[in-house]
């Protein structure tokens, strides 16, 4: 796997050095390309024609096996098949199965970690997302990292390095995969999707909402459902009198992360408009933002922000999500 299409990852790769350490932690925003970088490193180590972390040849038998996902010296450990802990089907639309990497999965690496490579001189294990290792799984992994064979390399991927237990963190070389600046992400998106030049506000919204993570922004600009839901929410809020019950009924079927994206950006824009006369996120919806803001003081929206944060604490586990949303939106600032 080559990094030519992902120029912002070269700096992260440079910080790793010429050789892959026994344990490497790559952390950064979702959609920054951590998985792509990890695969590139793994393929480089397993390549038969290179001796360090230069680009893999992609033509040797090891590279071909890697790209076919059949390399015997490579393992990718990710979330176990998740199950919900509740049998209450009434909340199935709002509850998501708990995602974990179990101790059973980590212990299942035992033979792989202690037998010599089938090909070449190395074995590589990618663990993603590493923050989903439960306590027992993390402790089991530590045993493999205490005195690893010279041929064994672990690559852990996580959003925040602090999500790993300290003893595990201390054994890893830590590399932060940073997002490029907004202009660089914008230029990269335009190359991937030239038609976006006609929708600059949409592109800028996707970039800002993703924290300038290029792959996340690319995914978001193609998410028609998100933009439709965002548009409907802003439309309902821009009415002279906000119907809390209609808004709750609409939002009930929307996933919580989507509501967070829309409302956090909206509240930020309302504060920006009051203080600077301009928005940062929903710049294509200035008419709606003006109707929502009207003469309402920004501090009133700040108070609702606190109510929204309280709602989020139990958003995935309410006894009745519709009632919780109705109670939340009944507190939305109304124009006198």
Protein backbone atom coordinates (compact mmCIF):
# COMPACT_ATOMS: atom_id res chain seq x y z
CA UNK A 1 0.00 0.00 0.00
CA UNK A 2 1.42 3.37 -1.09
CA UNK A 3 0.98 6.72 0.68
CA UNK A 4 1.12 8.85 -2.45
CA UNK A 5 -2.59 9.68 -2.22
CA UNK A 6 -2.29 10.68 1.44
CA UNK A 7 0.53 13.26 1.61
CA UNK A 8 -0.30 14.40 5.15
CA UNK A 9 0.68 10.94 6.49
CA UNK A 10 4.32 11.25 5.42
CA UNK A 11 5.24 13.34 8.46
CA UNK A 12 3.79 10.71 10.81
CA UNK A 13 5.72 7.99 9.02
CA UNK A 14 8.92 10.03 9.24
CA UNK A 15 8.58 10.28 13.03
CA UNK A 16 8.54 6.48 13.31
CA UNK A 17 12.02 6.16 11.82
CA UNK A 18 13.46 3.52 9.53
CA UNK A 19 12.47 0.49 11.59
CA UNK A 20 9.19 -0.56 13.12
CA UNK A 21 9.36 -0.78 16.94
CA UNK A 22 7.98 -3.82 18.81
CA UNK A 23 4.94 -1.74 19.82
CA UNK A 24 3.72 1.35 17.97
CA UNK A 25 0.69 3.44 18.86
CA UNK A 26 -0.74 5.68 16.13
CA UNK A 27 -3.37 8.06 17.53
CA UNK A 28 -5.42 10.77 15.91
CA UNK A 29 -8.85 11.84 14.69
CA UNK A 30 -11.18 9.39 12.91
CA UNK A 31 -10.75 9.72 9.16
CA UNK A 32 -7.14 10.87 9.37
CA UNK A 33 -5.82 7.68 7.75
CA UNK A 34 -4.45 5.73 10.72
CA UNK A 35 -5.56 2.42 9.20
CA UNK A 36 -3.96 3.30 5.86
CA UNK A 37 -0.67 4.21 7.53
CA UNK A 38 -0.68 1.04 9.64
CA UNK A 39 -1.26 -1.16 6.59
CA UNK A 40 1.52 0.64 4.73
CA UNK A 41 3.94 0.00 7.59
CA UNK A 42 2.90 -3.64 7.91
CA UNK A 43 3.30 -4.29 4.20
CA UNK A 44 6.70 -2.58 4.22
CA UNK A 45 7.96 -4.78 7.04
CA UNK A 46 6.68 -7.94 5.36
CA UNK A 47 7.91 -7.01 1.87
CA UNK A 48 10.67 -9.30 0.57
CA UNK A 49 12.46 -6.58 -1.41
CA UNK A 50 12.86 -3.76 1.13
CA UNK A 51 14.76 -3.83 4.41
CA UNK A 52 13.22 -0.84 6.22
CA UNK A 53 10.06 1.31 6.17
CA UNK A 54 10.45 2.49 2.60
CA UNK A 55 7.54 1.88 0.23
CA UNK A 56 6.76 -1.82 -0.29
CA UNK A 57 7.44 -3.12 -3.78
CA UNK A 58 3.87 -4.44 -4.26
CA UNK A 59 5.15 -7.09 -6.65
CA UNK A 60 6.83 -9.74 -4.48
CA UNK A 61 4.87 -12.73 -3.25
CA UNK A 62 4.60 -11.31 0.27
CA UNK A 63 3.14 -8.04 -1.00
CA UNK A 64 0.65 -9.90 -3.17
CA UNK A 65 -0.41 -12.06 -0.25
CA UNK A 66 -0.78 -8.97 1.95
CA UNK A 67 -2.95 -7.17 -0.59
CA UNK A 68 -5.08 -10.30 -0.93
CA UNK A 69 -5.51 -10.40 2.88
CA UNK A 70 -3.98 -13.89 3.02
CA UNK A 71 -0.50 -13.21 4.41
CA UNK A 72 0.27 -15.85 7.08
CA UNK A 73 2.46 -13.45 9.09
CA UNK A 74 -0.14 -10.70 9.45
CA UNK A 75 -3.10 -10.38 11.82
CA UNK A 76 -5.70 -7.63 12.08
CA UNK A 77 -7.48 -7.68 15.43
CA UNK A 78 -10.63 -5.58 15.65
CA UNK A 79 -13.94 -5.51 17.50
CA UNK A 80 -15.48 -8.83 18.38
CA UNK A 81 -18.91 -9.56 17.03
CA UNK A 82 -20.90 -7.34 19.33
CA UNK A 83 -23.99 -8.23 21.26
CA UNK A 84 -26.38 -6.03 23.20
CA UNK A 85 -26.62 -6.62 26.90
CA UNK A 86 -30.33 -5.87 26.88
CA UNK A 87 -33.13 -7.83 25.29
CA UNK A 88 -35.47 -4.83 25.34
CA UNK A 89 -36.33 -4.38 21.67
CA UNK A 90 -38.17 -1.12 22.33
CA UNK A 91 -34.85 0.74 22.51
CA UNK A 92 -33.16 -1.14 19.67
CA UNK A 93 -33.25 1.91 17.42
CA UNK A 94 -31.23 3.99 19.86
CA UNK A 95 -28.99 1.42 21.51
CA UNK A 96 -25.89 0.23 19.76
CA UNK A 97 -24.09 -2.99 20.64
CA UNK A 98 -21.10 -2.43 22.88
CA UNK A 99 -17.92 -2.66 20.84
CA UNK A 100 -15.05 -4.48 22.54
CA UNK A 101 -11.90 -6.45 21.78
CA UNK A 102 -12.11 -9.28 24.29
CA UNK A 103 -9.44 -11.12 26.24
CA UNK A 104 -10.37 -14.24 24.28
CA UNK A 105 -9.38 -12.55 21.03
CA UNK A 106 -6.06 -11.35 22.43
CA UNK A 107 -5.23 -14.74 23.90
CA UNK A 108 -6.07 -16.23 20.51
CA UNK A 109 -2.91 -14.55 19.21
CA UNK A 110 -0.76 -16.82 21.40
CA UNK A 111 0.51 -19.29 18.79
CA UNK A 112 0.83 -16.56 16.16
CA UNK A 113 3.03 -14.43 18.46
CA UNK A 114 5.41 -17.18 19.50
CA UNK A 115 5.97 -19.19 16.34
CA UNK A 116 8.55 -18.06 13.81
CA UNK A 117 7.41 -16.27 10.64
CA UNK A 118 6.27 -18.43 7.74
CA UNK A 119 7.86 -16.01 5.29
CA UNK A 120 10.62 -13.47 5.71
CA UNK A 121 11.76 -12.25 9.10
CA UNK A 122 8.74 -10.49 10.65
CA UNK A 123 5.20 -10.81 11.93
CA UNK A 124 2.79 -7.90 12.37
CA UNK A 125 -0.40 -7.49 14.41
CA UNK A 126 -2.64 -4.45 13.96
CA UNK A 127 -5.10 -3.80 16.80
CA UNK A 128 -7.89 -1.41 15.90
CA UNK A 129 -9.40 0.41 17.72
CA UNK A 130 -7.08 -0.14 20.66
CA UNK A 131 -9.32 1.84 23.02
CA UNK A 132 -11.84 -1.01 22.74
CA UNK A 133 -9.51 -3.43 24.50
CA UNK A 134 -11.24 -4.21 27.78
CA UNK A 135 -9.18 -4.37 30.98
CA UNK A 136 -8.56 -8.11 30.76
CA UNK A 137 -7.64 -7.90 27.07
CA UNK A 138 -5.19 -5.05 27.72
CA UNK A 139 -3.53 -7.04 30.50
CA UNK A 140 -3.28 -10.09 28.23
CA UNK A 141 -1.68 -7.96 25.53
CA UNK A 142 0.87 -6.67 28.03
CA UNK A 143 2.22 -10.20 28.44
CA UNK A 144 3.02 -10.26 24.72
CA UNK A 145 4.74 -6.87 24.94
CA UNK A 146 6.91 -7.53 27.99
CA UNK A 147 9.44 -9.74 26.20
CA UNK A 148 8.34 -9.91 22.55
CA UNK A 149 10.23 -12.06 20.05
CA UNK A 150 12.53 -10.02 17.82
CA UNK A 151 10.36 -10.75 14.79
CA UNK A 152 7.06 -9.55 16.34
CA UNK A 153 5.59 -6.07 15.82
CA UNK A 154 2.36 -4.62 17.20
CA UNK A 155 0.64 -1.56 15.71
CA UNK A 156 -2.13 -0.12 17.87
CA UNK A 157 -4.58 2.45 16.51
CA UNK A 158 -6.59 4.76 18.77
CA UNK A 159 -8.31 8.12 18.69
CA UNK A 160 -6.81 9.27 22.00
CA UNK A 161 -3.66 7.82 23.50
CA UNK A 162 -5.07 8.46 26.99
CA UNK A 163 -7.72 5.81 26.31
CA UNK A 164 -5.09 3.08 26.83
CA UNK A 165 -4.06 1.89 30.26
CA UNK A 166 -0.76 3.51 31.40
CA UNK A 167 1.21 0.25 31.54
CA UNK A 168 0.29 -0.50 27.94
CA UNK A 169 0.94 3.06 26.84
CA UNK A 170 4.41 3.04 28.39
CA UNK A 171 5.53 0.18 26.14
CA UNK A 172 4.57 1.90 22.89
CA UNK A 173 6.29 4.38 20.64
CA UNK A 174 3.56 7.03 20.33
CA UNK A 175 2.99 8.85 17.04
CA UNK A 176 0.27 11.45 16.61
CA UNK A 177 -1.22 11.40 13.10
CA UNK A 178 -2.10 15.07 12.71
CA UNK A 179 -4.72 16.51 10.39
CA UNK A 180 -3.49 18.82 7.62
CA UNK A 181 -4.51 22.47 7.67
CA UNK A 182 -7.91 23.42 6.28
CA UNK A 183 -6.54 24.72 2.96
CA UNK A 184 -4.61 21.49 2.33
CA UNK A 185 -7.67 19.37 3.13
CA UNK A 186 -9.80 21.55 0.86
CA UNK A 187 -7.35 21.16 -2.02
CA UNK A 188 -7.16 17.38 -1.49
CA UNK A 189 -10.96 17.09 -1.46
CA UNK A 190 -11.22 19.09 -4.68
CA UNK A 191 -8.83 16.68 -6.37
CA UNK A 192 -10.85 13.69 -5.22
CA UNK A 193 -14.20 15.24 -6.13
CA UNK A 194 -13.88 18.06 -8.68
CA UNK A 195 -17.66 18.58 -8.64
CA UNK A 196 -17.35 19.91 -5.07
CA UNK A 197 -16.09 23.22 -6.41
CA UNK A 198 -19.72 24.10 -7.11
CA UNK A 199 -20.64 23.38 -3.47
CA UNK A 200 -17.98 25.22 -1.49
CA UNK A 201 -20.18 25.70 1.64
CA UNK A 202 -20.88 21.96 1.77
CA UNK A 203 -17.17 21.19 1.44
CA UNK A 204 -16.25 23.67 4.15
CA UNK A 205 -18.91 22.29 6.49
CA UNK A 206 -17.59 18.75 5.99
CA UNK A 207 -14.01 19.91 6.65
CA UNK A 208 -14.87 21.80 9.83
CA UNK A 209 -17.14 19.07 11.22
CA UNK A 210 -14.45 16.43 10.64
CA UNK A 211 -11.69 18.48 12.26
CA UNK A 212 -9.98 18.75 8.86
CA UNK A 213 -9.48 14.97 8.73
CA UNK A 214 -9.47 14.41 4.94
CA UNK A 215 -10.95 10.91 4.77
CA UNK A 216 -13.71 11.76 7.24
CA UNK A 217 -14.52 14.92 5.27
CA UNK A 218 -14.60 12.93 2.02
CA UNK A 219 -17.07 10.49 3.55
CA UNK A 220 -19.24 13.26 4.94
CA UNK A 221 -19.63 15.21 1.69
CA UNK A 222 -21.19 12.09 0.17
CA UNK A 223 -23.58 11.59 3.09
CA UNK A 224 -26.81 12.89 1.58
CA UNK A 225 -28.80 11.61 4.56
CA UNK A 226 -26.82 13.77 6.97
CA UNK A 227 -27.32 16.92 4.91
CA UNK A 228 -31.04 16.19 4.52
CA UNK A 229 -31.43 15.66 8.26
CA UNK A 230 -29.42 18.79 9.02
CA UNK A 231 -31.57 20.83 6.63
CA UNK A 232 -34.82 19.60 8.18
CA UNK A 233 -33.64 20.27 11.75
CA UNK A 234 -32.57 23.83 10.89
CA UNK A 235 -35.86 24.37 9.06
CA UNK A 236 -37.89 23.27 12.08
CA UNK A 237 -35.83 25.48 14.39
CA UNK A 238 -36.17 28.52 12.12
CA UNK A 239 -39.95 28.69 12.51
CA UNK A 240 -41.37 31.66 14.41
CA UNK A 241 -42.68 29.21 17.00
CA UNK A 242 -40.60 26.03 17.40
CA UNK A 243 -42.84 22.98 17.68
CA UNK A 244 -40.92 20.93 20.25
CA UNK A 245 -43.10 17.89 19.66
CA UNK A 246 -42.61 17.87 15.87
CA UNK A 247 -38.86 18.40 16.36
CA UNK A 248 -38.65 15.56 18.88
CA UNK A 249 -40.60 13.24 16.59
CA UNK A 250 -38.19 13.97 13.74
CA UNK A 251 -35.02 13.69 15.83
CA UNK A 252 -36.10 10.46 17.52
CA UNK A 253 -34.98 8.39 14.54
CA UNK A 254 -31.67 10.23 14.08
CA UNK A 255 -28.52 8.78 15.59
CA UNK A 256 -27.09 10.67 18.56
CA UNK A 257 -23.70 11.46 16.89
CA UNK A 258 -25.59 13.18 14.05
CA UNK A 259 -27.55 15.30 16.53
CA UNK A 260 -24.28 16.22 18.23
CA UNK A 261 -22.74 17.30 14.95
CA UNK A 262 -25.70 19.44 13.98
CA UNK A 263 -26.45 21.09 17.33
CA UNK A 264 -22.87 21.72 18.49
CA UNK A 265 -22.12 23.39 15.15
CA UNK A 266 -25.39 25.34 15.31
CA UNK A 267 -24.75 26.64 18.84
CA UNK A 268 -21.22 27.64 17.86
CA UNK A 269 -22.58 29.51 14.83
CA UNK A 270 -25.17 31.38 16.93
CA UNK A 271 -22.41 32.61 19.25
CA UNK A 272 -20.22 33.54 16.28
CA UNK A 273 -23.04 35.54 14.71
CA UNK A 274 -23.64 37.52 17.90
CA UNK A 275 -19.96 38.25 18.50
CA UNK A 276 -18.55 38.48 14.97
CA UNK A 277 -21.55 38.64 12.64
CA UNK A 278 -20.59 35.51 10.76
CA UNK A 279 -20.91 31.73 11.01
CA UNK A 280 -18.27 29.03 10.69
CA UNK A 281 -20.20 25.83 10.03
CA UNK A 282 -23.67 26.23 8.50
CA UNK A 283 -22.63 29.06 6.17
CA UNK A 284 -25.03 27.85 3.46
CA UNK A 285 -27.96 28.29 5.87
CA UNK A 286 -27.51 31.92 6.89
CA UNK A 287 -31.21 32.69 6.41
CA UNK A 288 -32.20 29.89 8.75
CA UNK A 289 -29.51 30.91 11.25
CA UNK A 290 -30.85 34.46 11.23
CA UNK A 291 -34.39 33.22 11.84
CA UNK A 292 -33.20 30.98 14.68
CA UNK A 293 -31.13 33.72 16.30
CA UNK A 294 -33.54 36.64 15.88
CA UNK A 295 -33.22 38.81 18.98
CA UNK A 296 -32.50 35.95 21.38
CA UNK A 297 -29.40 36.52 23.53
CA UNK A 298 -26.51 34.12 23.07
CA UNK A 299 -26.44 33.34 26.80
CA UNK A 300 -29.91 31.80 26.42
CA UNK A 301 -28.55 29.31 23.88
CA UNK A 302 -25.61 28.65 26.21
CA UNK A 303 -28.06 27.57 28.89
CA UNK A 304 -29.73 25.23 26.41
CA UNK A 305 -26.29 23.91 25.51
CA UNK A 306 -26.01 22.70 29.10
CA UNK A 307 -29.42 21.02 28.82
CA UNK A 308 -28.28 19.29 25.63
CA UNK A 309 -25.14 17.99 27.34
CA UNK A 310 -27.27 16.59 30.15
CA UNK A 311 -29.49 14.85 27.61
CA UNK A 312 -26.45 13.28 25.92
CA UNK A 313 -25.37 11.57 29.15
CA UNK A 314 -28.30 9.15 28.83
CA UNK A 315 -29.23 9.61 25.17
CA UNK A 316 -28.51 6.01 24.24
CA UNK A 317 -30.39 4.53 27.18
CA UNK A 318 -33.59 6.45 27.80
CA UNK A 319 -36.74 4.61 28.84
CA UNK A 320 -38.54 6.67 26.22
CA UNK A 321 -36.35 8.64 23.84
CA UNK A 322 -39.27 10.63 22.43
CA UNK A 323 -40.20 11.96 25.88
CA UNK A 324 -36.57 12.84 26.61
CA UNK A 325 -36.30 14.79 23.36
CA UNK A 326 -39.62 16.54 23.95
CA UNK A 327 -38.45 17.65 27.38
CA UNK A 328 -35.20 18.88 25.82
CA UNK A 329 -36.79 20.85 22.98
CA UNK A 330 -39.45 22.37 25.22
CA UNK A 331 -36.52 24.23 26.78
CA UNK A 332 -35.33 25.56 23.40
CA UNK A 333 -35.16 29.40 23.50
CA UNK A 334 -38.33 30.85 21.99
CA UNK A 335 -38.65 34.38 20.65
CA UNK A 336 -40.90 36.44 22.87
